[in-house]
PDB file of N, CA and C in Angstrom:
ATOM      1  N   MET A   1      84.776 145.462  82.347  1.00  0.00           N
ATOM      2  CA  MET A   1      84.302 144.287  82.044  1.00  0.00           C
ATOM      3  C   MET A   1      85.019 143.340  81.193  1.00  0.00           C
ATOM      4  N   ARG A   2      85.763 144.372  80.054  1.00  0.00           N
ATOM      5  CA  ARG A   2      86.579 143.505  79.161  1.00  0.00           C
ATOM      6  C   ARG A   2      88.019 142.822  79.882  1.00  0.00           C
ATOM      7  N   ILE A   3      88.043 143.494  80.888  1.00  0.00           N
ATOM      8  CA  ILE A   3      89.377 142.710  81.453  1.00  0.00           C
ATOM      9  C   ILE A   3      88.916 141.592  81.861  1.00  0.00           C
ATOM     10  N   ARG A   4      87.935 141.793  82.915  1.00  0.00           N
ATOM     11  CA  ARG A   4      87.647 140.767  83.594  1.00  0.00           C
ATOM     12  C   ARG A   4      87.203 139.383  82.680  1.00  0.00           C
ATOM     13  N   ILE A   5      86.641 139.461  81.911  1.00  0.00           N
ATOM     14  CA  ILE A   5      86.428 138.474  80.695  1.00  0.00           C
ATOM     15  C   ILE A   5      87.363 137.993  80.408  1.00  0.00           C
ATOM     16  N   GLY A   6      88.365 138.676  79.616  1.00  0.00           N
ATOM     17  CA  GLY A   6      89.675 138.486  79.248  1.00  0.00           C
ATOM     18  C   GLY A   6      90.671 137.868  80.334  1.00  0.00           C
ATOM     19  N   TYR A   7      90.466 138.103  81.664  1.00  0.00           N
ATOM     20  CA  TYR A   7      91.220 137.474  82.850  1.00  0.00           C
ATOM     21  C   TYR A   7      90.703 135.967  82.921  1.00  0.00           C
ATOM     22  N   MET A   8      89.101 135.513  82.789  1.00  0.00           N
ATOM     23  CA  MET A   8      88.406 134.844  83.324  1.00  0.00           C
ATOM     24  C   MET A   8      89.010 133.638  81.736  1.00  0.00           C
ATOM     25  N   VAL A   9      88.718 134.062  80.390  1.00  0.00           N
ATOM     26  CA  VAL A   9      89.289 133.210  79.418  1.00  0.00           C
ATOM     27  C   VAL A   9      90.572 132.736  79.630  1.00  0.00           C
ATOM     28  N   ALA A  10      91.633 133.404  80.003  1.00  0.00           N
ATOM     29  CA  ALA A  10      93.213 132.882  80.371  1.00  0.00           C
ATOM     30  C   ALA A  10      93.207 131.819  81.182  1.00  0.00           C
ATOM     31  N   GLY A  11      92.577 132.067  82.271  1.00  0.00           N
ATOM     32  CA  GLY A  11      92.247 131.478  83.307  1.00  0.00           C
ATOM     33  C   GLY A  11      92.153 130.064  83.219  1.00  0.00           C
ATOM     34  N   ILE A  12      90.664 129.834  82.077  1.00  0.00           N
ATOM     35  CA  ILE A  12      90.229 128.698  81.875  1.00  0.00           C
ATOM     36  C   ILE A  12      91.183 128.001  80.823  1.00  0.00           C
ATOM     37  N   LEU A  13      91.928 128.825  80.024  1.00  0.00           N
ATOM     38  CA  LEU A  13      92.711 128.272  78.916  1.00  0.00           C
ATOM     39  C   LEU A  13      93.952 127.374  79.924  1.00  0.00           C
ATOM     40  N   ALA A  14      94.461 128.210  80.575  1.00  0.00           N
ATOM     41  CA  ALA A  14      95.855 128.075  81.900  1.00  0.00           C
ATOM     42  C   ALA A  14      95.347 126.910  82.359  1.00  0.00           C
ATOM     43  N   LEU A  15      93.776 126.765  83.008  1.00  0.00           N
ATOM     44  CA  LEU A  15      93.728 125.556  83.547  1.00  0.00           C
ATOM     45  C   LEU A  15      93.604 124.256  82.815  1.00  0.00           C
ATOM     46  N   GLY A  16      93.006 124.608  81.799  1.00  0.00           N
ATOM     47  CA  GLY A  16      92.652 123.070  80.600  1.00  0.00           C
ATOM     48  C   GLY A  16      94.452 122.916  79.950  1.00  0.00           C
ATOM     49  N   ALA A  17      95.089 123.605  79.848  1.00  0.00           N
ATOM     50  CA  ALA A  17      96.450 123.215  79.627  1.00  0.00           C
ATOM     51  C   ALA A  17      97.338 122.556  80.743  1.00  0.00           C
ATOM     52  N   ALA A  18      96.842 122.818  81.697  1.00  0.00           N
ATOM     53  CA  ALA A  18      97.317 122.386  82.838  1.00  0.00           C
ATOM     54  C   ALA A  18      96.836 121.109  83.395  1.00  0.00           C
ATOM     55  N   LEU A  19      95.585 120.986  83.098  1.00  0.00           N
ATOM     56  CA  LEU A  19      95.154 119.631  83.348  1.00  0.00           C
ATOM     57  C   LEU A  19      95.083 118.708  81.943  1.00  0.00           C
ATOM     58  N   SER A  20      95.675 119.146  81.141  1.00  0.00           N
ATOM     59  CA  SER A  20      95.626 117.921  79.856  1.00  0.00           C
ATOM     60  C   SER A  20      97.297 117.555  79.259  1.00  0.00           C
ATOM     61  N   GLY A  21      98.006 118.395  80.393  1.00  0.00           N
ATOM     62  CA  GLY A  21      99.353 118.321  80.281  1.00  0.00           C
ATOM     63  C   GLY A  21      99.946 116.555  80.763  1.00  0.00           C
ATOM     64  N   THR A  22     100.947 116.326  80.429  1.00  0.00           N
ATOM     65  CA  THR A  22     101.558 115.189  80.872  1.00  0.00           C
ATOM     66  C   THR A  22     102.655 115.638  82.050  1.00  0.00           C
ATOM     67  N   SER A  23     101.731 115.520  82.909  1.00  0.00           N
ATOM     68  CA  SER A  23     102.754 115.382  84.455  1.00  0.00           C
ATOM     69  C   SER A  23     102.951 114.300  85.011  1.00  0.00           C
ATOM     70  N   ARG A  24     103.891 114.166  85.518  1.00  0.00           N
ATOM     71  CA  ARG A  24     104.385 113.005  86.345  1.00  0.00           C
ATOM     72  C   ARG A  24     103.711 112.951  87.627  1.00  0.00           C
ATOM     73  N   GLN A  25     102.972 111.835  88.314  1.00  0.00           N
ATOM     74  CA  GLN A  25     102.205 111.743  89.395  1.00  0.00           C
ATOM     75  C   GLN A  25     103.268 111.854  90.638  1.00  0.00           C
ATOM     76  N   ALA A  26     102.847 112.480  91.877  1.00  0.00           N
ATOM     77  CA  ALA A  26     103.477 112.457  92.628  1.00  0.00           C
ATOM     78  C   ALA A  26     103.231 111.320  93.445  1.00  0.00           C
ATOM     79  N   THR A  27     104.780 110.762  94.005  1.00  0.00           N
ATOM     80  CA  THR A  27     104.836 109.479  94.599  1.00  0.00           C
ATOM     81  C   THR A  27     105.145 109.691  95.809  1.00  0.00           C
ATOM     82  N   ALA A  28     104.747 108.460  96.550  1.00  0.00           N
ATOM     83  CA  ALA A  28     104.578 108.589  98.079  1.00  0.00           C
ATOM     84  C   ALA A  28     106.314 109.175  98.518  1.00  0.00           C
ATOM     85  N   ALA A  29     107.275 109.225  97.648  1.00  0.00           N
ATOM     86  CA  ALA A  29     108.824 109.504  98.148  1.00  0.00           C
ATOM     87  C   ALA A  29     108.705 111.561  97.746  1.00  0.00           C
ATOM     88  N   ASP A  30     108.010 111.650  97.420  1.00  0.00           N
ATOM     89  CA  ASP A  30     107.637 113.144  97.008  1.00  0.00           C
ATOM     90  C   ASP A  30     106.888 113.906  98.027  1.00  0.00           C
ATOM     91  N   LEU A  31     105.804 113.091  99.003  1.00  0.00           N
ATOM     92  CA  LEU A  31     104.874 113.591  99.537  1.00  0.00           C
ATOM     93  C   LEU A  31     105.285 113.603 100.971  1.00  0.00           C
ATOM     94  N   GLY A  32     106.058 112.376 101.673  1.00  0.00           N
ATOM     95  CA  GLY A  32     106.673 112.181 103.025  1.00  0.00           C
ATOM     96  C   GLY A  32     107.339 111.035 103.139  1.00  0.00           C
ATOM     97  N   LEU A  33     108.053 110.740 103.987  1.00  0.00           N
ATOM     98  CA  LEU A  33     109.018 109.788 104.569  1.00  0.00           C
ATOM     99  C   LEU A  33     108.187 108.305 104.554  1.00  0.00           C
ATOM    100  N   VAL A  34     108.691 107.618 103.592  1.00  0.00           N
ATOM    101  CA  VAL A  34     108.291 105.772 103.714  1.00  0.00           C
ATOM    102  C   VAL A  34     109.154 105.308 104.340  1.00  0.00           C
ATOM    103  N   THR A  35     108.537 104.302 105.298  1.00  0.00           N
ATOM    104  CA  THR A  35     109.500 103.238 105.913  1.00  0.00           C
ATOM    105  C   THR A  35     108.910 101.810 105.752  1.00  0.00           C
ATOM    106  N   LYS A  36     109.505 100.572 105.664  1.00  0.00           N
ATOM    107  CA  LYS A  36     109.279  99.454 105.539  1.00  0.00           C
ATOM    108  C   LYS A  36     109.413  98.877 107.261  1.00  0.00           C
ATOM    109  N   ALA A  37     110.009  99.443 107.705  1.00  0.00           N
ATOM    110  CA  ALA A  37     110.189  99.170 109.310  1.00  0.00           C
ATOM    111  C   ALA A  37     108.729  99.147 110.210  1.00  0.00           C
ATOM    112  N   PRO A  38     109.308  98.425 111.361  1.00  0.00           N
ATOM    113  CA  PRO A  38     107.795  98.162 112.297  1.00  0.00           C
ATOM    114  C   PRO A  38     108.022  99.720 113.153  1.00  0.00           C
ATOM    115  N   VAL A  39     106.850 100.049 113.469  1.00  0.00           N
ATOM    116  CA  VAL A  39     106.798 101.426 114.316  1.00  0.00           C
ATOM    117  C   VAL A  39     107.576 101.333 115.420  1.00  0.00           C
ATOM    118  N   GLY A  40     108.006 102.455 115.757  1.00  0.00           N
ATOM    119  CA  GLY A  40     109.153 102.323 116.946  1.00  0.00           C
ATOM    120  C   GLY A  40     110.715 101.700 116.702  1.00  0.00           C
ATOM    121  N   THR A  41     111.072 101.526 115.451  1.00  0.00           N
ATOM    122  CA  THR A  41     112.748 101.455 115.200  1.00  0.00           C
ATOM    123  C   THR A  41     112.934 102.534 114.921  1.00  0.00           C
ATOM    124  N   CYS A  42     114.343 102.995 115.251  1.00  0.00           N
ATOM    125  CA  CYS A  42     114.921 104.092 114.794  1.00  0.00           C
ATOM    126  C   CYS A  42     116.253 104.185 114.192  1.00  0.00           C
ATOM    127  N   THR A  43     116.391 102.822 113.382  1.00  0.00           N
ATOM    128  CA  THR A  43     117.446 102.839 112.618  1.00  0.00           C
ATOM    129  C   THR A  43     117.238 102.780 110.786  1.00  0.00           C
ATOM    130  N   GLU A  44     116.037 102.513 110.299  1.00  0.00           N
ATOM    131  CA  GLU A  44     115.508 102.733 109.233  1.00  0.00           C
ATOM    132  C   GLU A  44     116.303 104.064 108.566  1.00  0.00           C
ATOM    133  N   ILE A  45     115.578 105.246 109.126  1.00  0.00           N
ATOM    134  CA  ILE A  45     115.664 106.616 108.759  1.00  0.00           C
ATOM    135  C   ILE A  45     116.636 107.267 109.818  1.00  0.00           C
ATOM    136  N   VAL A  46     117.449 107.585 109.213  1.00  0.00           N
ATOM    137  CA  VAL A  46     118.660 108.673 110.141  1.00  0.00           C
ATOM    138  C   VAL A  46     119.838 109.384 108.972  1.00  0.00           C
ATOM    139  N   PHE A  47     119.071 110.915 109.895  1.00  0.00           N
ATOM    140  CA  PHE A  47     119.752 112.055 108.781  1.00  0.00           C
ATOM    141  C   PHE A  47     120.894 112.236 109.266  1.00  0.00           C
ATOM    142  N   THR A  48     122.073 112.293 108.128  1.00  0.00           N
ATOM    143  CA  THR A  48     123.206 112.562 108.183  1.00  0.00           C
ATOM    144  C   THR A  48     123.584 114.184 107.817  1.00  0.00           C
ATOM    145  N   CYS A  49     123.933 114.885 108.954  1.00  0.00           N
ATOM    146  CA  CYS A  49     123.680 116.244 108.631  1.00  0.00           C
ATOM    147  C   CYS A  49     125.303 116.728 108.517  1.00  0.00           C
ATOM    148  N   GLU A  50     125.406 118.220 108.142  1.00  0.00           N
ATOM    149  CA  GLU A  50     126.740 118.763 108.144  1.00  0.00           C
ATOM    150  C   GLU A  50     127.477 118.904 109.247  1.00  0.00           C
ATOM    151  N   ASN A  51     126.306 119.227 109.927  1.00  0.00           N
ATOM    152  CA  ASN A  51     127.283 119.747 111.234  1.00  0.00           C
ATOM    153  C   ASN A  51     127.964 118.124 111.669  1.00  0.00           C
ATOM    154  N   GLY A  52     128.006 117.444 111.356  1.00  0.00           N
ATOM    155  CA  GLY A  52     128.913 115.768 111.708  1.00  0.00           C
ATOM    156  C   GLY A  52     127.923 114.999 112.651  1.00  0.00           C
ATOM    157  N   HIS A  53     126.604 115.527 113.088  1.00  0.00           N
ATOM    158  CA  HIS A  53     125.805 114.646 113.727  1.00  0.00           C
ATOM    159  C   HIS A  53     124.641 113.984 112.994  1.00  0.00           C
ATOM    160  N   GLN A  54     124.070 112.706 113.765  1.00  0.00           N
ATOM    161  CA  GLN A  54     123.060 112.282 112.751  1.00  0.00           C
ATOM    162  C   GLN A  54     122.053 112.088 114.031  1.00  0.00           C
ATOM    163  N   TYR A  55     120.716 112.060 112.838  1.00  0.00           N
ATOM    164  CA  TYR A  55     119.687 112.548 113.870  1.00  0.00           C
ATOM    165  C   TYR A  55     118.812 111.311 113.284  1.00  0.00           C
ATOM    166  N   PRO A  56     118.423 109.992 113.997  1.00  0.00           N
ATOM    167  CA  PRO A  56     117.307 109.334 114.217  1.00  0.00           C
ATOM    168  C   PRO A  56     116.170 109.503 113.707  1.00  0.00           C
ATOM    169  N   LEU A  57     115.161 109.116 113.147  1.00  0.00           N
ATOM    170  CA  LEU A  57     113.703 108.834 112.936  1.00  0.00           C
ATOM    171  C   LEU A  57     113.482 108.175 113.637  1.00  0.00           C
ATOM    172  N   CYS A  58     112.349 108.015 114.300  1.00  0.00           N
ATOM    173  CA  CYS A  58     112.068 107.129 115.100  1.00  0.00           C
ATOM    174  C   CYS A  58     110.337 106.919 114.513  1.00  0.00           C
ATOM    175  N   PRO A  59     109.552 106.475 113.768  1.00  0.00           N
ATOM    176  CA  PRO A  59     108.184 106.481 113.237  1.00  0.00           C
ATOM    177  C   PRO A  59     107.143 106.242 114.433  1.00  0.00           C
ATOM    178  N   ARG A  60     106.209 106.981 114.866  1.00  0.00           N
ATOM    179  CA  ARG A  60     104.972 106.366 115.662  1.00  0.00           C
ATOM    180  C   ARG A  60     103.898 105.906 115.513  1.00  0.00           C
ATOM    181  N   ALA A  61     103.764 106.868 113.984  1.00  0.00           N
ATOM    182  CA  ALA A  61     102.354 106.298 113.610  1.00  0.00           C
ATOM    183  C   ALA A  61     102.979 106.268 111.944  1.00  0.00           C
ATOM    184  N   VAL A  62     102.456 105.206 111.518  1.00  0.00           N
ATOM    185  CA  VAL A  62     102.426 105.042 109.702  1.00  0.00           C
ATOM    186  C   VAL A  62     101.058 105.047 109.178  1.00  0.00           C
ATOM    187  N   SER A  63     100.805 105.528 108.019  1.00  0.00           N
ATOM    188  CA  SER A  63      99.726 105.686 107.209  1.00  0.00           C
ATOM    189  C   SER A  63      99.744 104.324 106.512  1.00  0.00           C
ATOM    190  N   VAL A  64      98.879 103.561 105.661  1.00  0.00           N
ATOM    191  CA  VAL A  64      98.790 102.817 105.008  1.00  0.00           C
ATOM    192  C   VAL A  64      99.336 102.145 103.802  1.00  0.00           C
ATOM    193  N   GLU A  65      99.793 103.731 103.216  1.00  0.00           N
ATOM    194  CA  GLU A  65     100.959 103.339 102.284  1.00  0.00           C
ATOM    195  C   GLU A  65     102.401 103.441 103.004  1.00  0.00           C
ATOM    196  N   GLY A  66     102.573 103.649 104.355  1.00  0.00           N
ATOM    197  CA  GLY A  66     103.783 103.596 104.598  1.00  0.00           C
ATOM    198  C   GLY A  66     104.396 104.390 104.953  1.00  0.00           C
ATOM    199  N   GLU A  67     103.905 105.850 104.788  1.00  0.00           N
ATOM    200  CA  GLU A  67     104.569 107.140 105.041  1.00  0.00           C
ATOM    201  C   GLU A  67     104.065 107.088 106.408  1.00  0.00           C
ATOM    202  N   VAL A  68     105.467 108.035 107.156  1.00  0.00           N
ATOM    203  CA  VAL A  68     105.551 108.296 108.338  1.00  0.00           C
ATOM    204  C   VAL A  68     104.692 109.347 108.740  1.00  0.00           C
ATOM    205  N   VAL A  69     103.825 109.421 109.598  1.00  0.00           N
ATOM    206  CA  VAL A  69     102.762 110.419 109.909  1.00  0.00           C
ATOM    207  C   VAL A  69     103.611 111.105 111.118  1.00  0.00           C
ATOM    208  N   THR A  70     103.624 110.377 112.146  1.00  0.00           N
ATOM    209  CA  THR A  70     104.221 111.369 113.379  1.00  0.00           C
ATOM    210  C   THR A  70     105.482 110.319 113.614  1.00  0.00           C
ATOM    211  N   ALA A  71     106.303 111.142 114.617  1.00  0.00           N
ATOM    212  CA  ALA A  71     107.688 110.122 114.603  1.00  0.00           C
ATOM    213  C   ALA A  71     108.508 111.181 115.851  1.00  0.00           C
ATOM    214  N   SER A  72     109.604 110.683 116.548  1.00  0.00           N
ATOM    215  CA  SER A  72     110.141 111.112 117.627  1.00  0.00           C
ATOM    216  C   SER A  72     111.512 111.333 116.826  1.00  0.00           C
ATOM    217  N   LEU A  73     112.129 112.663 116.683  1.00  0.00           N
ATOM    218  CA  LEU A  73     113.593 113.016 115.903  1.00  0.00           C
ATOM    219  C   LEU A  73     114.152 112.989 117.106  1.00  0.00           C
ATOM    220  N   LEU A  74     115.784 112.250 117.248  1.00  0.00           N
ATOM    221  CA  LEU A  74     116.181 112.037 118.258  1.00  0.00           C
ATOM    222  C   LEU A  74     117.476 113.045 118.299  1.00  0.00           C
ATOM    223  N   THR A  75     117.491 114.305 119.039  1.00  0.00           N
ATOM    224  CA  THR A  75     118.370 115.138 119.095  1.00  0.00           C
ATOM    225  C   THR A  75     119.230 114.933 120.268  1.00  0.00           C
ATOM    226  N   SER A  76     120.728 115.731 120.308  1.00  0.00           N
ATOM    227  CA  SER A  76     121.357 115.869 121.601  1.00  0.00           C
ATOM    228  C   SER A  76     120.322 116.062 122.591  1.00  0.00           C
ATOM    229  N   ARG A  77     119.341 116.912 122.550  1.00  0.00           N
ATOM    230  CA  ARG A  77     118.138 117.276 124.128  1.00  0.00           C
ATOM    231  C   ARG A  77     117.228 116.296 124.004  1.00  0.00           C
ATOM    232  N   GLY A  78     117.272 114.937 122.981  1.00  0.00           N
ATOM    233  CA  GLY A  78     116.313 114.111 123.595  1.00  0.00           C
ATOM    234  C   GLY A  78     115.524 113.835 122.350  1.00  0.00           C
ATOM    235  N   GLY A  79     114.423 113.295 122.377  1.00  0.00           N
ATOM    236  CA  GLY A  79     113.520 112.991 121.385  1.00  0.00           C
ATOM    237  C   GLY A  79     112.573 113.878 121.447  1.00  0.00           C
ATOM    238  N   ILE A  80     112.446 114.770 120.135  1.00  0.00           N
ATOM    239  CA  ILE A  80     110.974 115.582 119.770  1.00  0.00           C
ATOM    240  C   ILE A  80     110.144 114.615 118.636  1.00  0.00           C
ATOM    241  N   HIS A  81     109.043 115.041 119.261  1.00  0.00           N
ATOM    242  CA  HIS A  81     107.823 114.759 118.793  1.00  0.00           C
ATOM    243  C   HIS A  81     107.933 115.401 117.659  1.00  0.00           C
ATOM    244  N   VAL A  82     107.213 114.874 116.182  1.00  0.00           N
ATOM    245  CA  VAL A  82     107.406 115.735 114.798  1.00  0.00           C
ATOM    246  C   VAL A  82     106.245 115.426 114.580  1.00  0.00           C
ATOM    247  N   ARG A  83     105.502 115.753 113.548  1.00  0.00           N
ATOM    248  CA  ARG A  83     104.273 115.408 112.758  1.00  0.00           C
ATOM    249  C   ARG A  83     104.366 115.679 111.502  1.00  0.00           C
ATOM    250  N   HIS A  84     103.604 114.890 110.340  1.00  0.00           N
ATOM    251  CA  HIS A  84     103.980 115.327 108.888  1.00  0.00           C
ATOM    252  C   HIS A  84     102.896 116.622 108.642  1.00  0.00           C
ATOM    253  N   VAL A  85     103.383 117.370 107.774  1.00  0.00           N
ATOM    254  CA  VAL A  85     102.436 118.674 107.367  1.00  0.00           C
ATOM    255  C   VAL A  85     102.819 118.422 105.814  1.00  0.00           C
ATOM    256  N   PRO A  86     101.634 118.025 105.328  1.00  0.00           N
ATOM    257  CA  PRO A  86     101.452 118.217 103.946  1.00  0.00           C
ATOM    258  C   PRO A  86     101.751 119.252 103.324  1.00  0.00           C
ATOM    259  N   MET A  87     102.497 118.823 102.114  1.00  0.00           N
ATOM    260  CA  MET A  87     102.729 119.954 101.068  1.00  0.00           C
ATOM    261  C   MET A  87     102.473 119.854  99.655  1.00  0.00           C
ATOM    262  N   GLY A  88     102.581 120.237  99.127  1.00  0.00           N
ATOM    263  CA  GLY A  88     102.484 120.080  97.337  1.00  0.00           C
ATOM    264  C   GLY A  88     103.855 119.366  96.601  1.00  0.00           C
ATOM    265  N   VAL A  89     104.898 119.318  97.266  1.00  0.00           N
ATOM    266  CA  VAL A  89     105.962 118.689  96.684  1.00  0.00           C
ATOM    267  C   VAL A  89     106.978 118.685  98.087  1.00  0.00           C
ATOM    268  N   GLY A  90     107.693 117.572  98.160  1.00  0.00           N
ATOM    269  CA  GLY A  90     108.542 117.790  99.321  1.00  0.00           C
ATOM    270  C   GLY A  90     107.731 116.751 100.524  1.00  0.00           C
ATOM    271  N   TYR A  91     108.707 116.961 101.601  1.00  0.00           N
ATOM    272  CA  TYR A  91     107.775 116.817 103.304  1.00  0.00           C
ATOM    273  C   TYR A  91     108.208 117.555 103.936  1.00  0.00           C
ATOM    274  N   ARG A  92     107.591 117.948 105.151  1.00  0.00           N
ATOM    275  CA  ARG A  92     107.894 118.871 106.259  1.00  0.00           C
ATOM    276  C   ARG A  92     107.329 117.821 107.442  1.00  0.00           C
ATOM    277  N   TYR A  93     108.189 117.971 108.268  1.00  0.00           N
ATOM    278  CA  TYR A  93     107.935 117.508 109.727  1.00  0.00           C
ATOM    279  C   TYR A  93     108.433 118.337 110.634  1.00  0.00           C
ATOM    280  N   ALA A  94     107.306 118.790 111.384  1.00  0.00           N
ATOM    281  CA  ALA A  94     107.309 119.981 112.100  1.00  0.00           C
ATOM    282  C   ALA A  94     107.196 119.350 113.685  1.00  0.00           C
ATOM    283  N   GLY A  95     107.728 119.782 114.753  1.00  0.00           N
ATOM    284  CA  GLY A  95     107.899 119.917 116.099  1.00  0.00           C
ATOM    285  C   GLY A  95     107.840 121.193 116.861  1.00  0.00           C
ATOM    286  N   ARG A  96     107.939 121.200 118.359  1.00  0.00           N
ATOM    287  CA  ARG A  96     108.465 122.384 118.993  1.00  0.00           C
ATOM    288  C   ARG A  96     109.706 122.471 118.925  1.00  0.00           C
ATOM    289  N   GLY A  97     110.029 124.103 118.426  1.00  0.00           N
ATOM    290  CA  GLY A  97     111.389 124.561 118.159  1.00  0.00           C
ATOM    291  C   GLY A  97     112.040 123.853 116.862  1.00  0.00           C
ATOM    292  N   VAL A  98     111.564 123.028 116.206  1.00  0.00           N
ATOM    293  CA  VAL A  98     112.410 122.178 114.915  1.00  0.00           C
ATOM    294  C   VAL A  98     111.570 122.016 113.933  1.00  0.00           C
ATOM    295  N   TRP A  99     112.020 121.951 112.924  1.00  0.00           N
ATOM    296  CA  TRP A  99     111.010 121.425 111.808  1.00  0.00           C
ATOM    297  C   TRP A  99     112.169 120.776 110.792  1.00  0.00           C
ATOM    298  N   LEU A 100     111.720 120.073 110.045  1.00  0.00           N
ATOM    299  CA  LEU A 100     112.649 119.580 108.911  1.00  0.00           C
ATOM    300  C   LEU A 100     112.124 119.391 107.957  1.00  0.00           C
ATOM    301  N   ASP A 101     112.479 120.229 106.635  1.00  0.00           N
ATOM    302  CA  ASP A 101     111.693 120.207 105.049  1.00  0.00           C
ATOM    303  C   ASP A 101     112.925 119.250 104.177  1.00  0.00           C
ATOM    304  N   GLY A 102     112.076 118.659 103.385  1.00  0.00           N
ATOM    305  CA  GLY A 102     113.329 117.855 102.399  1.00  0.00           C
ATOM    306  C   GLY A 102     112.384 117.430 101.135  1.00  0.00           C
ATOM    307  N   PHE A 103     113.006 116.992 100.439  1.00  0.00           N
ATOM    308  CA  PHE A 103     112.504 116.254  98.920  1.00  0.00           C
ATOM    309  C   PHE A 103     113.620 115.269  98.899  1.00  0.00           C
ATOM    310  N   ARG A 104     112.912 114.113  98.341  1.00  0.00           N
ATOM    311  CA  ARG A 104     113.776 112.703  98.394  1.00  0.00           C
ATOM    312  C   ARG A 104     114.829 112.425  99.516  1.00  0.00           C
ATOM    313  N   GLU A 105     116.172 112.207  99.188  1.00  0.00           N
ATOM    314  CA  GLU A 105     117.196 112.340 100.220  1.00  0.00           C
ATOM    315  C   GLU A 105     117.750 113.739 100.587  1.00  0.00           C
ATOM    316  N   ASN A 106     117.237 114.419  99.962  1.00  0.00           N
ATOM    317  CA  ASN A 106     117.741 115.876 100.689  1.00  0.00           C
ATOM    318  C   ASN A 106     117.100 116.577 101.650  1.00  0.00           C
ATOM    319  N   ALA A 107     117.303 117.134 102.767  1.00  0.00           N
ATOM    320  CA  ALA A 107     116.665 117.879 104.093  1.00  0.00           C
ATOM    321  C   ALA A 107     117.425 119.011 104.484  1.00  0.00           C
ATOM    322  N   LEU A 108     116.820 119.963 104.900  1.00  0.00           N
ATOM    323  CA  LEU A 108     116.913 121.091 106.054  1.00  0.00           C
ATOM    324  C   LEU A 108     116.378 121.055 107.293  1.00  0.00           C
ATOM    325  N   LEU A 109     117.703 120.869 108.619  1.00  0.00           N
ATOM    326  CA  LEU A 109     116.800 120.698 109.347  1.00  0.00           C
ATOM    327  C   LEU A 109     117.137 122.017 110.149  1.00  0.00           C
ATOM    328  N   ASN A 110     115.859 122.495 110.881  1.00  0.00           N
ATOM    329  CA  ASN A 110     116.192 123.814 111.197  1.00  0.00           C
ATOM    330  C   ASN A 110     115.405 123.629 112.790  1.00  0.00           C
ATOM    331  N   PHE A 111     117.041 124.159 113.420  1.00  0.00           N
ATOM    332  CA  PHE A 111     116.776 124.357 114.997  1.00  0.00           C
ATOM    333  C   PHE A 111     116.547 125.746 115.337  1.00  0.00           C
ATOM    334  N   GLY A 112     114.989 126.399 115.513  1.00  0.00           N
ATOM    335  CA  GLY A 112     114.535 127.387 115.219  1.00  0.00           C
ATOM    336  C   GLY A 112     114.536 128.509 114.248  1.00  0.00           C
ATOM    337  N   LYS A 113     114.320 129.794 114.112  1.00  0.00           N
ATOM    338  CA  LYS A 113     114.436 130.678 112.871  1.00  0.00           C
ATOM    339  C   LYS A 113     115.929 130.641 112.582  1.00  0.00           C
ATOM    340  N   HIS A 114     116.997 130.813 113.288  1.00  0.00           N
ATOM    341  CA  HIS A 114     118.311 131.036 112.815  1.00  0.00           C
ATOM    342  C   HIS A 114     119.227 130.138 112.906  1.00  0.00           C
ATOM    343  N   HIS A 115     118.884 128.649 112.648  1.00  0.00           N
ATOM    344  CA  HIS A 115     119.878 127.669 112.856  1.00  0.00           C
ATOM    345  C   HIS A 115     119.202 126.627 112.013  1.00  0.00           C
ATOM    346  N   GLN A 116     120.146 126.448 110.964  1.00  0.00           N
ATOM    347  CA  GLN A 116     119.813 125.714 109.777  1.00  0.00           C
ATOM    348  C   GLN A 116     120.953 124.731 109.557  1.00  0.00           C
ATOM    349  N   VAL A 117     120.300 123.187 109.191  1.00  0.00           N
ATOM    350  CA  VAL A 117     121.550 122.121 109.013  1.00  0.00           C
ATOM    351  C   VAL A 117     121.128 121.634 107.718  1.00  0.00           C
ATOM    352  N   ALA A 118     122.018 121.491 106.521  1.00  0.00           N
ATOM    353  CA  ALA A 118     121.329 120.823 105.443  1.00  0.00           C
ATOM    354  C   ALA A 118     121.879 119.074 105.890  1.00  0.00           C
ATOM    355  N   CYS A 119     121.009 118.351 105.313  1.00  0.00           N
ATOM    356  CA  CYS A 119     121.017 116.720 105.945  1.00  0.00           C
ATOM    357  C   CYS A 119     121.005 116.104 104.801  1.00  0.00           C
ATOM    358  N   SER A 120     121.252 114.638 104.536  1.00  0.00           N
ATOM    359  CA  SER A 120     120.624 113.772 103.547  1.00  0.00           C
ATOM    360  C   SER A 120     120.482 112.441 104.662  1.00  0.00           C
ATOM    361  N   ILE A 121     119.680 111.756 103.926  1.00  0.00           N
ATOM    362  CA  ILE A 121     118.851 110.287 104.179  1.00  0.00           C
ATOM    363  C   ILE A 121     120.173 109.288 104.425  1.00  0.00           C
ATOM    364  N   ALA A 122     120.239 108.398 105.382  1.00  0.00           N
ATOM    365  CA  ALA A 122     121.021 107.661 105.393  1.00  0.00           C
ATOM    366  C   ALA A 122     120.049 105.897 105.691  1.00  0.00           C
ATOM    367  N   HIS A 123     119.771 105.283 104.525  1.00  0.00           N
ATOM    368  CA  HIS A 123     118.242 104.315 105.003  1.00  0.00           C
ATOM    369  C   HIS A 123     119.710 103.139 105.630  1.00  0.00           C
ATOM    370  N   SER A 124     119.239 102.710 106.398  1.00  0.00           N
ATOM    371  CA  SER A 124     119.865 101.098 106.648  1.00  0.00           C
ATOM    372  C   SER A 124     118.914 100.197 106.504  1.00  0.00           C
TER     373      SER A 124
END
């Protein structure tokens, strides 16, 4: 019984410290990719990867804040429909057999479980 009360008090203190601390607010750049270009253009967000390829991201739907919600990722196999998956920090766009994990300008493009390529965003 004492242990449970001790854990409860420790949890309340930790929660209070977390809520009262001065942490910076998450910005849209931390949560997802932001675009100012109209929907359907493929030139603003281009992933330049270490394998020498470039993968443009063509927004299909954009939120009110300008965050890309759904898009087509253009690969050598054609366009792959990807959707934004909310995460605590960073962004993930996932589609059939491909997903893109990133934070700000850096990203990892995953083609299946065993093939990963480091990329950076080249805004035009």
